[in-house]
mmCIF file of all heavy atoms, coordinates in Angstrom:
data_MODEL
# 
_entry.id   MODEL 
# 
loop_
_atom_site.group_PDB 
_atom_site.id 
_atom_site.type_symbol 
_atom_site.label_atom_id 
_atom_site.label_alt_id 
_atom_site.label_comp_id 
_atom_site.label_asym_id 
_atom_site.label_entity_id 
_atom_site.label_seq_id 
_atom_site.pdbx_PDB_ins_code 
_atom_site.Cartn_x 
_atom_site.Cartn_y 
_atom_site.Cartn_z 
_atom_site.occupancy 
_atom_site.B_iso_or_equiv 
_atom_site.pdbx_formal_charge 
_atom_site.auth_seq_id 
_atom_site.auth_comp_id 
_atom_site.auth_asym_id 
_atom_site.auth_atom_id 
_atom_site.pdbx_PDB_model_num 
ATOM 1   N N   . VAL A 1 1  ? -41.243 -31.937 -17.347 1.00 0.00 ? 1  VAL A N   1 
ATOM 2   C CA  . VAL A 1 1  ? -42.284 -32.886 -17.698 1.00 0.00 ? 1  VAL A CA  1 
ATOM 3   C C   . VAL A 1 1  ? -43.512 -32.063 -18.243 1.00 0.00 ? 1  VAL A C   1 
ATOM 4   O O   . VAL A 1 1  ? -44.191 -32.368 -19.118 1.00 0.00 ? 1  VAL A O   1 
ATOM 5   C CB  . VAL A 1 1  ? -42.629 -33.800 -16.562 1.00 0.00 ? 1  VAL A CB  1 
ATOM 6   C CG1 . VAL A 1 1  ? -43.941 -34.565 -16.773 1.00 0.00 ? 1  VAL A CG1 1 
ATOM 7   C CG2 . VAL A 1 1  ? -41.485 -34.727 -16.236 1.00 0.00 ? 1  VAL A CG2 1 
ATOM 8   N N   . LEU A 1 2  ? -43.834 -31.044 -17.461 1.00 0.00 ? 2  LEU A N   1 
ATOM 9   C CA  . LEU A 1 2  ? -45.045 -30.213 -17.773 1.00 0.00 ? 2  LEU A CA  1 
ATOM 10  C C   . LEU A 1 2  ? -45.005 -29.550 -19.133 1.00 0.00 ? 2  LEU A C   1 
ATOM 11  O O   . LEU A 1 2  ? -45.815 -29.616 -20.001 1.00 0.00 ? 2  LEU A O   1 
ATOM 12  C CB  . LEU A 1 2  ? -45.342 -29.136 -16.735 1.00 0.00 ? 2  LEU A CB  1 
ATOM 13  C CG  . LEU A 1 2  ? -46.669 -28.451 -16.749 1.00 0.00 ? 2  LEU A CG  1 
ATOM 14  C CD1 . LEU A 1 2  ? -47.843 -29.432 -16.518 1.00 0.00 ? 2  LEU A CD1 1 
ATOM 15  C CD2 . LEU A 1 2  ? -46.659 -27.309 -15.657 1.00 0.00 ? 2  LEU A CD2 1 
ATOM 16  N N   . VAL A 1 3  ? -43.795 -28.883 -19.421 1.00 0.00 ? 3  VAL A N   1 
ATOM 17  C CA  . VAL A 1 3  ? -43.512 -28.219 -20.716 1.00 0.00 ? 3  VAL A CA  1 
ATOM 18  C C   . VAL A 1 3  ? -43.538 -29.375 -21.798 1.00 0.00 ? 3  VAL A C   1 
ATOM 19  O O   . VAL A 1 3  ? -44.202 -29.013 -22.905 1.00 0.00 ? 3  VAL A O   1 
ATOM 20  C CB  . VAL A 1 3  ? -42.286 -27.454 -20.645 1.00 0.00 ? 3  VAL A CB  1 
ATOM 21  C CG1 . VAL A 1 3  ? -41.939 -26.955 -22.084 1.00 0.00 ? 3  VAL A CG1 1 
ATOM 22  C CG2 . VAL A 1 3  ? -42.359 -26.265 -19.764 1.00 0.00 ? 3  VAL A CG2 1 
ATOM 23  N N   . ALA A 1 4  ? -42.870 -30.372 -21.618 1.00 0.00 ? 4  ALA A N   1 
ATOM 24  C CA  . ALA A 1 4  ? -42.907 -31.454 -22.610 1.00 0.00 ? 4  ALA A CA  1 
ATOM 25  C C   . ALA A 1 4  ? -44.352 -31.929 -22.932 1.00 0.00 ? 4  ALA A C   1 
ATOM 26  O O   . ALA A 1 4  ? -44.604 -32.180 -24.159 1.00 0.00 ? 4  ALA A O   1 
ATOM 27  C CB  . ALA A 1 4  ? -42.075 -32.599 -22.157 1.00 0.00 ? 4  ALA A CB  1 
ATOM 28  N N   . GLY A 1 5  ? -45.170 -32.019 -21.965 1.00 0.00 ? 5  GLY A N   1 
ATOM 29  C CA  . GLY A 1 5  ? -46.573 -32.486 -22.145 1.00 0.00 ? 5  GLY A CA  1 
ATOM 30  C C   . GLY A 1 5  ? -47.238 -31.553 -22.977 1.00 0.00 ? 5  GLY A C   1 
ATOM 31  O O   . GLY A 1 5  ? -47.964 -31.878 -23.989 1.00 0.00 ? 5  GLY A O   1 
ATOM 32  N N   . PHE A 1 6  ? -47.255 -30.251 -22.757 1.00 0.00 ? 6  PHE A N   1 
ATOM 33  C CA  . PHE A 1 6  ? -47.894 -29.240 -23.518 1.00 0.00 ? 6  PHE A CA  1 
ATOM 34  C C   . PHE A 1 6  ? -47.420 -29.143 -25.027 1.00 0.00 ? 6  PHE A C   1 
ATOM 35  O O   . PHE A 1 6  ? -48.122 -29.030 -25.911 1.00 0.00 ? 6  PHE A O   1 
ATOM 36  C CB  . PHE A 1 6  ? -47.914 -27.827 -22.835 1.00 0.00 ? 6  PHE A CB  1 
ATOM 37  C CG  . PHE A 1 6  ? -48.874 -27.741 -21.661 1.00 0.00 ? 6  PHE A CG  1 
ATOM 38  C CD1 . PHE A 1 6  ? -48.499 -27.772 -20.273 1.00 0.00 ? 6  PHE A CD1 1 
ATOM 39  C CD2 . PHE A 1 6  ? -50.285 -27.633 -21.992 1.00 0.00 ? 6  PHE A CD2 1 
ATOM 40  C CE1 . PHE A 1 6  ? -49.459 -27.682 -19.391 1.00 0.00 ? 6  PHE A CE1 1 
ATOM 41  C CE2 . PHE A 1 6  ? -51.215 -27.509 -20.976 1.00 0.00 ? 6  PHE A CE2 1 
ATOM 42  C CZ  . PHE A 1 6  ? -50.745 -27.521 -19.653 1.00 0.00 ? 6  PHE A CZ  1 
ATOM 43  N N   . VAL A 1 7  ? -46.121 -29.160 -25.020 1.00 0.00 ? 7  VAL A N   1 
ATOM 44  C CA  . VAL A 1 7  ? -45.516 -29.096 -26.419 1.00 0.00 ? 7  VAL A CA  1 
ATOM 45  C C   . VAL A 1 7  ? -45.888 -30.345 -27.280 1.00 0.00 ? 7  VAL A C   1 
ATOM 46  O O   . VAL A 1 7  ? -46.310 -30.156 -28.408 1.00 0.00 ? 7  VAL A O   1 
ATOM 47  C CB  . VAL A 1 7  ? -44.025 -28.895 -26.321 1.00 0.00 ? 7  VAL A CB  1 
ATOM 48  C CG1 . VAL A 1 7  ? -43.296 -29.194 -27.722 1.00 0.00 ? 7  VAL A CG1 1 
ATOM 49  C CG2 . VAL A 1 7  ? -43.571 -27.684 -25.656 1.00 0.00 ? 7  VAL A CG2 1 
ATOM 50  N N   . LEU A 1 8  ? -45.793 -31.409 -26.695 1.00 0.00 ? 8  LEU A N   1 
ATOM 51  C CA  . LEU A 1 8  ? -46.242 -32.709 -27.393 1.00 0.00 ? 8  LEU A CA  1 
ATOM 52  C C   . LEU A 1 8  ? -47.660 -32.724 -27.696 1.00 0.00 ? 8  LEU A C   1 
ATOM 53  O O   . LEU A 1 8  ? -48.028 -33.104 -28.829 1.00 0.00 ? 8  LEU A O   1 
ATOM 54  C CB  . LEU A 1 8  ? -45.823 -33.902 -26.562 1.00 0.00 ? 8  LEU A CB  1 
ATOM 55  C CG  . LEU A 1 8  ? -45.998 -35.222 -27.184 1.00 0.00 ? 8  LEU A CG  1 
ATOM 56  C CD1 . LEU A 1 8  ? -45.180 -35.384 -28.460 1.00 0.00 ? 8  LEU A CD1 1 
ATOM 57  C CD2 . LEU A 1 8  ? -45.660 -36.422 -26.206 1.00 0.00 ? 8  LEU A CD2 1 
ATOM 58  N N   . ALA A 1 9  ? -48.509 -32.238 -26.862 1.00 0.00 ? 9  ALA A N   1 
ATOM 59  C CA  . ALA A 1 9  ? -49.942 -32.256 -27.098 1.00 0.00 ? 9  ALA A CA  1 
ATOM 60  C C   . ALA A 1 9  ? -50.288 -31.311 -28.185 1.00 0.00 ? 9  ALA A C   1 
ATOM 61  O O   . ALA A 1 9  ? -51.372 -31.633 -28.889 1.00 0.00 ? 9  ALA A O   1 
ATOM 62  C CB  . ALA A 1 9  ? -50.727 -31.779 -25.728 1.00 0.00 ? 9  ALA A CB  1 
ATOM 63  N N   . ARG A 1 10 ? -49.518 -30.261 -28.395 1.00 0.00 ? 10 ARG A N   1 
ATOM 64  C CA  . ARG A 1 10 ? -49.869 -29.403 -29.561 1.00 0.00 ? 10 ARG A CA  1 
ATOM 65  C C   . ARG A 1 10 ? -49.382 -29.884 -30.829 1.00 0.00 ? 10 ARG A C   1 
ATOM 66  O O   . ARG A 1 10 ? -49.789 -29.561 -31.895 1.00 0.00 ? 10 ARG A O   1 
ATOM 67  C CB  . ARG A 1 10 ? -49.214 -28.048 -29.324 1.00 0.00 ? 10 ARG A CB  1 
ATOM 68  C CG  . ARG A 1 10 ? -49.876 -27.152 -28.174 1.00 0.00 ? 10 ARG A CG  1 
ATOM 69  C CD  . ARG A 1 10 ? -49.339 -25.866 -27.980 1.00 0.00 ? 10 ARG A CD  1 
ATOM 70  N NE  . ARG A 1 10 ? -49.963 -25.079 -26.781 1.00 0.00 ? 10 ARG A NE  1 
ATOM 71  C CZ  . ARG A 1 10 ? -51.125 -24.546 -26.896 1.00 0.00 ? 10 ARG A CZ  1 
ATOM 72  N NH1 . ARG A 1 10 ? -51.783 -24.535 -27.948 1.00 0.00 ? 10 ARG A NH1 1 
ATOM 73  N NH2 . ARG A 1 10 ? -51.487 -24.014 -25.894 1.00 0.00 ? 10 ARG A NH2 1 
ATOM 74  N N   . ARG A 1 11 ? -48.481 -30.845 -30.762 1.00 0.00 ? 11 ARG A N   1 
ATOM 75  C CA  . ARG A 1 11 ? -47.872 -31.438 -31.949 1.00 0.00 ? 11 ARG A CA  1 
ATOM 76  C C   . ARG A 1 11 ? -48.572 -32.725 -32.534 1.00 0.00 ? 11 ARG A C   1 
ATOM 77  O O   . ARG A 1 11 ? -48.463 -33.078 -33.715 1.00 0.00 ? 11 ARG A O   1 
ATOM 78  C CB  . ARG A 1 11 ? -46.275 -31.773 -31.786 1.00 0.00 ? 11 ARG A CB  1 
ATOM 79  C CG  . ARG A 1 11 ? -45.550 -30.503 -31.671 1.00 0.00 ? 11 ARG A CG  1 
ATOM 80  C CD  . ARG A 1 11 ? -44.017 -30.844 -31.573 1.00 0.00 ? 11 ARG A CD  1 
ATOM 81  N NE  . ARG A 1 11 ? -43.173 -29.595 -31.563 1.00 0.00 ? 11 ARG A NE  1 
ATOM 82  C CZ  . ARG A 1 11 ? -41.871 -29.701 -31.570 1.00 0.00 ? 11 ARG A CZ  1 
ATOM 83  N NH1 . ARG A 1 11 ? -41.261 -30.901 -31.663 1.00 0.00 ? 11 ARG A NH1 1 
ATOM 84  N NH2 . ARG A 1 11 ? -41.119 -28.593 -31.568 1.00 0.00 ? 11 ARG A NH2 1 
ATOM 85  N N   . THR A 1 12 ? -49.199 -33.365 -31.594 1.00 0.00 ? 12 THR A N   1 
ATOM 86  C CA  . THR A 1 12 ? -49.832 -34.645 -31.977 1.00 0.00 ? 12 THR A CA  1 
ATOM 87  C C   . THR A 1 12 ? -51.126 -34.885 -31.295 1.00 0.00 ? 12 THR A C   1 
ATOM 88  O O   . THR A 1 12 ? -51.309 -34.497 -30.152 1.00 0.00 ? 12 THR A O   1 
ATOM 89  C CB  . THR A 1 12 ? -48.892 -35.901 -31.701 1.00 0.00 ? 12 THR A CB  1 
ATOM 90  O OG1 . THR A 1 12 ? -49.558 -37.062 -32.171 1.00 0.00 ? 12 THR A OG1 1 
ATOM 91  C CG2 . THR A 1 12 ? -48.646 -35.988 -30.180 1.00 0.00 ? 12 THR A CG2 1 
ATOM 92  N N   . ASP A 1 13 ? -52.134 -35.512 -32.066 1.00 0.00 ? 13 ASP A N   1 
ATOM 93  C CA  . ASP A 1 13 ? -53.411 -35.843 -31.363 1.00 0.00 ? 13 ASP A CA  1 
ATOM 94  C C   . ASP A 1 13 ? -53.446 -37.376 -31.206 1.00 0.00 ? 13 ASP A C   1 
ATOM 95  O O   . ASP A 1 13 ? -54.547 -37.921 -30.894 1.00 0.00 ? 13 ASP A O   1 
ATOM 96  C CB  . ASP A 1 13 ? -54.562 -35.367 -32.255 1.00 0.00 ? 13 ASP A CB  1 
ATOM 97  C CG  . ASP A 1 13 ? -54.527 -35.978 -33.635 1.00 0.00 ? 13 ASP A CG  1 
ATOM 98  O OD1 . ASP A 1 13 ? -53.630 -36.617 -34.002 1.00 0.00 ? 13 ASP A OD1 1 
ATOM 99  O OD2 . ASP A 1 13 ? -55.573 -35.707 -34.292 1.00 0.00 ? 13 ASP A OD2 1 
ATOM 100 N N   . ASP A 1 14 ? -52.376 -38.059 -31.424 1.00 0.00 ? 14 ASP A N   1 
ATOM 101 C CA  . ASP A 1 14 ? -52.212 -39.469 -31.247 1.00 0.00 ? 14 ASP A CA  1 
ATOM 102 C C   . ASP A 1 14 ? -51.929 -39.721 -29.812 1.00 0.00 ? 14 ASP A C   1 
ATOM 103 O O   . ASP A 1 14 ? -50.880 -39.593 -29.282 1.00 0.00 ? 14 ASP A O   1 
ATOM 104 C CB  . ASP A 1 14 ? -51.130 -40.043 -32.142 1.00 0.00 ? 14 ASP A CB  1 
ATOM 105 C CG  . ASP A 1 14 ? -51.040 -41.615 -32.076 1.00 0.00 ? 14 ASP A CG  1 
ATOM 106 O OD1 . ASP A 1 14 ? -51.771 -42.144 -31.155 1.00 0.00 ? 14 ASP A OD1 1 
ATOM 107 O OD2 . ASP A 1 14 ? -50.261 -42.165 -32.791 1.00 0.00 ? 14 ASP A OD2 1 
ATOM 108 N N   . LEU A 1 15 ? -53.017 -40.181 -28.992 1.00 0.00 ? 15 LEU A N   1 
ATOM 109 C CA  . LEU A 1 15 ? -52.827 -40.405 -27.541 1.00 0.00 ? 15 LEU A CA  1 
ATOM 110 C C   . LEU A 1 15 ? -51.864 -41.462 -27.305 1.00 0.00 ? 15 LEU A C   1 
ATOM 111 O O   . LEU A 1 15 ? -51.177 -41.337 -26.219 1.00 0.00 ? 15 LEU A O   1 
ATOM 112 C CB  . LEU A 1 15 ? -54.269 -40.656 -26.910 1.00 0.00 ? 15 LEU A CB  1 
ATOM 113 C CG  . LEU A 1 15 ? -54.199 -40.708 -25.460 1.00 0.00 ? 15 LEU A CG  1 
ATOM 114 C CD1 . LEU A 1 15 ? -53.659 -39.340 -24.967 1.00 0.00 ? 15 LEU A CD1 1 
ATOM 115 C CD2 . LEU A 1 15 ? -55.541 -40.880 -24.851 1.00 0.00 ? 15 LEU A CD2 1 
ATOM 116 N N   . ILE A 1 16 ? -51.692 -42.515 -28.127 1.00 0.00 ? 16 ILE A N   1 
ATOM 117 C CA  . ILE A 1 16 ? -50.837 -43.628 -27.828 1.00 0.00 ? 16 ILE A CA  1 
ATOM 118 C C   . ILE A 1 16 ? -49.324 -43.065 -27.876 1.00 0.00 ? 16 ILE A C   1 
ATOM 119 O O   . ILE A 1 16 ? -48.529 -43.286 -26.990 1.00 0.00 ? 16 ILE A O   1 
ATOM 120 C CB  . ILE A 1 16 ? -50.967 -44.759 -28.817 1.00 0.00 ? 16 ILE A CB  1 
ATOM 121 C CG1 . ILE A 1 16 ? -52.341 -45.419 -28.656 1.00 0.00 ? 16 ILE A CG1 1 
ATOM 122 C CG2 . ILE A 1 16 ? -49.873 -45.796 -28.554 1.00 0.00 ? 16 ILE A CG2 1 
ATOM 123 C CD1 . ILE A 1 16 ? -52.671 -46.491 -29.672 1.00 0.00 ? 16 ILE A CD1 1 
ATOM 124 N N   . THR A 1 17 ? -48.975 -42.273 -28.994 1.00 0.00 ? 17 THR A N   1 
ATOM 125 C CA  . THR A 1 17 ? -47.719 -41.686 -29.140 1.00 0.00 ? 17 THR A CA  1 
ATOM 126 C C   . THR A 1 17 ? -47.461 -40.809 -27.997 1.00 0.00 ? 17 THR A C   1 
ATOM 127 O O   . THR A 1 17 ? -46.350 -40.692 -27.399 1.00 0.00 ? 17 THR A O   1 
ATOM 128 C CB  . THR A 1 17 ? -47.617 -41.000 -30.405 1.00 0.00 ? 17 THR A CB  1 
ATOM 129 O OG1 . THR A 1 17 ? -47.740 -41.893 -31.467 1.00 0.00 ? 17 THR A OG1 1 
ATOM 130 C CG2 . THR A 1 17 ? -46.285 -40.282 -30.549 1.00 0.00 ? 17 THR A CG2 1 
ATOM 131 N N   . TYR A 1 18 ? -48.435 -39.933 -27.635 1.00 0.00 ? 18 TYR A N   1 
ATOM 132 C CA  . TYR A 1 18 ? -48.402 -38.971 -26.502 1.00 0.00 ? 18 TYR A CA  1 
ATOM 133 C C   . TYR A 1 18 ? -47.931 -39.699 -25.257 1.00 0.00 ? 18 TYR A C   1 
ATOM 134 O O   . TYR A 1 18 ? -47.089 -39.435 -24.503 1.00 0.00 ? 18 TYR A O   1 
ATOM 135 C CB  . TYR A 1 18 ? -49.565 -38.143 -26.368 1.00 0.00 ? 18 TYR A CB  1 
ATOM 136 C CG  . TYR A 1 18 ? -49.523 -37.241 -25.138 1.00 0.00 ? 18 TYR A CG  1 
ATOM 137 C CD1 . TYR A 1 18 ? -48.986 -35.984 -25.240 1.00 0.00 ? 18 TYR A CD1 1 
ATOM 138 C CD2 . TYR A 1 18 ? -50.013 -37.658 -23.891 1.00 0.00 ? 18 TYR A CD2 1 
ATOM 139 C CE1 . TYR A 1 18 ? -48.934 -35.102 -24.141 1.00 0.00 ? 18 TYR A CE1 1 
ATOM 140 C CE2 . TYR A 1 18 ? -49.960 -36.819 -22.747 1.00 0.00 ? 18 TYR A CE2 1 
ATOM 141 C CZ  . TYR A 1 18 ? -49.298 -35.581 -22.844 1.00 0.00 ? 18 TYR A CZ  1 
ATOM 142 O OH  . TYR A 1 18 ? -49.323 -34.758 -21.780 1.00 0.00 ? 18 TYR A OH  1 
ATOM 143 N N   . THR A 1 19 ? -48.819 -40.740 -24.824 1.00 0.00 ? 19 THR A N   1 
ATOM 144 C CA  . THR A 1 19 ? -48.567 -41.437 -23.658 1.00 0.00 ? 19 THR A CA  1 
ATOM 145 C C   . THR A 1 19 ? -47.283 -42.125 -23.555 1.00 0.00 ? 19 THR A C   1 
ATOM 146 O O   . THR A 1 19 ? -46.586 -42.041 -22.462 1.00 0.00 ? 19 THR A O   1 
ATOM 147 C CB  . THR A 1 19 ? -49.737 -42.508 -23.434 1.00 0.00 ? 19 THR A CB  1 
ATOM 148 O OG1 . THR A 1 19 ? -50.937 -41.814 -23.632 1.00 0.00 ? 19 THR A OG1 1 
ATOM 149 C CG2 . THR A 1 19 ? -49.685 -43.238 -22.025 1.00 0.00 ? 19 THR A CG2 1 
ATOM 150 N N   . LEU A 1 20 ? -46.791 -42.736 -24.587 1.00 0.00 ? 20 LEU A N   1 
ATOM 151 C CA  . LEU A 1 20 ? -45.625 -43.481 -24.609 1.00 0.00 ? 20 LEU A CA  1 
ATOM 152 C C   . LEU A 1 20 ? -44.452 -42.449 -24.364 1.00 0.00 ? 20 LEU A C   1 
ATOM 153 O O   . LEU A 1 20 ? -43.488 -42.642 -23.640 1.00 0.00 ? 20 LEU A O   1 
ATOM 154 C CB  . LEU A 1 20 ? -45.401 -44.266 -25.901 1.00 0.00 ? 20 LEU A CB  1 
ATOM 155 C CG  . LEU A 1 20 ? -44.022 -44.967 -26.145 1.00 0.00 ? 20 LEU A CG  1 
ATOM 156 C CD1 . LEU A 1 20 ? -43.774 -45.907 -25.086 1.00 0.00 ? 20 LEU A CD1 1 
ATOM 157 C CD2 . LEU A 1 20 ? -44.059 -45.628 -27.488 1.00 0.00 ? 20 LEU A CD2 1 
ATOM 158 N N   . THR A 1 21 ? -44.438 -41.295 -25.085 1.00 0.00 ? 21 THR A N   1 
ATOM 159 C CA  . THR A 1 21 ? -43.437 -40.335 -25.025 1.00 0.00 ? 21 THR A CA  1 
ATOM 160 C C   . THR A 1 21 ? -43.313 -39.693 -23.630 1.00 0.00 ? 21 THR A C   1 
ATOM 161 O O   . THR A 1 21 ? -42.328 -39.425 -23.141 1.00 0.00 ? 21 THR A O   1 
ATOM 162 C CB  . THR A 1 21 ? -43.666 -39.277 -26.164 1.00 0.00 ? 21 THR A CB  1 
ATOM 163 O OG1 . THR A 1 21 ? -43.658 -39.872 -27.381 1.00 0.00 ? 21 THR A OG1 1 
ATOM 164 C CG2 . THR A 1 21 ? -42.510 -38.266 -26.101 1.00 0.00 ? 21 THR A CG2 1 
ATOM 165 N N   . MET A 1 22 ? -44.465 -39.423 -23.062 1.00 0.00 ? 22 MET A N   1 
ATOM 166 C CA  . MET A 1 22 ? -44.547 -38.898 -21.723 1.00 0.00 ? 22 MET A CA  1 
ATOM 167 C C   . MET A 1 22 ? -43.985 -39.858 -20.707 1.00 0.00 ? 22 MET A C   1 
ATOM 168 O O   . MET A 1 22 ? -43.263 -39.439 -19.637 1.00 0.00 ? 22 MET A O   1 
ATOM 169 C CB  . MET A 1 22 ? -45.995 -38.371 -21.366 1.00 0.00 ? 22 MET A CB  1 
ATOM 170 C CG  . MET A 1 22 ? -46.263 -37.199 -22.186 1.00 0.00 ? 22 MET A CG  1 
ATOM 171 S SD  . MET A 1 22 ? -45.167 -35.715 -21.988 1.00 0.00 ? 22 MET A SD  1 
ATOM 172 C CE  . MET A 1 22 ? -45.272 -35.356 -20.318 1.00 0.00 ? 22 MET A CE  1 
ATOM 173 N N   . LEU A 1 23 ? -44.359 -41.122 -20.818 1.00 0.00 ? 23 LEU A N   1 
ATOM 174 C CA  . LEU A 1 23 ? -43.826 -42.069 -19.880 1.00 0.00 ? 23 LEU A CA  1 
ATOM 175 C C   . LEU A 1 23 ? -42.324 -42.115 -20.016 1.00 0.00 ? 23 LEU A C   1 
ATOM 176 O O   . LEU A 1 23 ? -41.660 -42.262 -18.967 1.00 0.00 ? 23 LEU A O   1 
ATOM 177 C CB  . LEU A 1 23 ? -44.442 -43.471 -20.227 1.00 0.00 ? 23 LEU A CB  1 
ATOM 178 C CG  . LEU A 1 23 ? -45.917 -43.691 -19.743 1.00 0.00 ? 23 LEU A CG  1 
ATOM 179 C CD1 . LEU A 1 23 ? -46.348 -44.960 -20.263 1.00 0.00 ? 23 LEU A CD1 1 
ATOM 180 C CD2 . LEU A 1 23 ? -46.020 -43.657 -18.251 1.00 0.00 ? 23 LEU A CD2 1 
ATOM 181 N N   . GLN A 1 24 ? -41.784 -42.089 -21.246 1.00 0.00 ? 24 GLN A N   1 
ATOM 182 C CA  . GLN A 1 24 ? -40.327 -42.173 -21.412 1.00 0.00 ? 24 GLN A CA  1 
ATOM 183 C C   . GLN A 1 24 ? -39.679 -40.872 -20.765 1.00 0.00 ? 24 GLN A C   1 
ATOM 184 O O   . GLN A 1 24 ? -38.687 -40.925 -20.147 1.00 0.00 ? 24 GLN A O   1 
ATOM 185 C CB  . GLN A 1 24 ? -40.075 -42.243 -22.911 1.00 0.00 ? 24 GLN A CB  1 
ATOM 186 C CG  . GLN A 1 24 ? -40.429 -43.585 -23.475 1.00 0.00 ? 24 GLN A CG  1 
ATOM 187 C CD  . GLN A 1 24 ? -40.481 -43.661 -24.972 1.00 0.00 ? 24 GLN A CD  1 
ATOM 188 O OE1 . GLN A 1 24 ? -40.388 -42.562 -25.570 1.00 0.00 ? 24 GLN A OE1 1 
ATOM 189 N NE2 . GLN A 1 24 ? -40.476 -44.857 -25.569 1.00 0.00 ? 24 GLN A NE2 1 
ATOM 190 N N   . THR A 1 25 ? -40.329 -39.695 -21.016 1.00 0.00 ? 25 THR A N   1 
ATOM 191 C CA  . THR A 1 25 ? -39.835 -38.480 -20.452 1.00 0.00 ? 25 THR A CA  1 
ATOM 192 C C   . THR A 1 25 ? -39.754 -38.536 -18.909 1.00 0.00 ? 25 THR A C   1 
ATOM 193 O O   . THR A 1 25 ? -38.735 -38.104 -18.266 1.00 0.00 ? 25 THR A O   1 
ATOM 194 C CB  . THR A 1 25 ? -40.649 -37.321 -20.913 1.00 0.00 ? 25 THR A CB  1 
ATOM 195 O OG1 . THR A 1 25 ? -40.733 -37.227 -22.387 1.00 0.00 ? 25 THR A OG1 1 
ATOM 196 C CG2 . THR A 1 25 ? -40.118 -35.987 -20.406 1.00 0.00 ? 25 THR A CG2 1 
ATOM 197 N N   . ALA A 1 26 ? -40.836 -39.048 -18.380 1.00 0.00 ? 26 ALA A N   1 
ATOM 198 C CA  . ALA A 1 26 ? -40.921 -39.145 -16.919 1.00 0.00 ? 26 ALA A CA  1 
ATOM 199 C C   . ALA A 1 26 ? -39.806 -40.079 -16.375 1.00 0.00 ? 26 ALA A C   1 
ATOM 200 O O   . ALA A 1 26 ? -39.184 -39.732 -15.333 1.00 0.00 ? 26 ALA A O   1 
ATOM 201 C CB  . ALA A 1 26 ? -42.239 -39.692 -16.443 1.00 0.00 ? 26 ALA A CB  1 
ATOM 202 N N   . ILE A 1 27 ? -39.550 -41.146 -17.054 1.00 0.00 ? 27 ILE A N   1 
ATOM 203 C CA  . ILE A 1 27 ? -38.473 -42.051 -16.664 1.00 0.00 ? 27 ILE A CA  1 
ATOM 204 C C   . ILE A 1 27 ? -37.079 -41.333 -16.624 1.00 0.00 ? 27 ILE A C   1 
ATOM 205 O O   . ILE A 1 27 ? -36.244 -41.550 -15.781 1.00 0.00 ? 27 ILE A O   1 
ATOM 206 C CB  . ILE A 1 27 ? -38.491 -43.329 -17.553 1.00 0.00 ? 27 ILE A CB  1 
ATOM 207 C CG1 . ILE A 1 27 ? -39.628 -44.142 -17.191 1.00 0.00 ? 27 ILE A CG1 1 
ATOM 208 C CG2 . ILE A 1 27 ? -37.141 -44.110 -17.298 1.00 0.00 ? 27 ILE A CG2 1 
ATOM 209 C CD1 . ILE A 1 27 ? -39.868 -45.271 -18.056 1.00 0.00 ? 27 ILE A CD1 1 
ATOM 210 N N   . LEU A 1 28 ? -36.873 -40.437 -17.714 1.00 0.00 ? 28 LEU A N   1 
ATOM 211 C CA  . LEU A 1 28 ? -35.555 -39.782 -17.805 1.00 0.00 ? 28 LEU A CA  1 
ATOM 212 C C   . LEU A 1 28 ? -35.413 -38.684 -16.739 1.00 0.00 ? 28 LEU A C   1 
ATOM 213 O O   . LEU A 1 28 ? -34.254 -38.470 -16.353 1.00 0.00 ? 28 LEU A O   1 
ATOM 214 C CB  . LEU A 1 28 ? -35.556 -39.143 -19.157 1.00 0.00 ? 28 LEU A CB  1 
ATOM 215 C CG  . LEU A 1 28 ? -35.446 -40.047 -20.390 1.00 0.00 ? 28 LEU A CG  1 
ATOM 216 C CD1 . LEU A 1 28 ? -35.472 -39.294 -21.688 1.00 0.00 ? 28 LEU A CD1 1 
ATOM 217 C CD2 . LEU A 1 28 ? -34.226 -40.910 -20.325 1.00 0.00 ? 28 LEU A CD2 1 
# 
């Protein structure tokens, strides 16, 4: 989860996309 968060944060500045993707990652 931590690595996914940092990788995703470097790829997008869209907080909605980031939040949605991280919630989905956490569920998995």
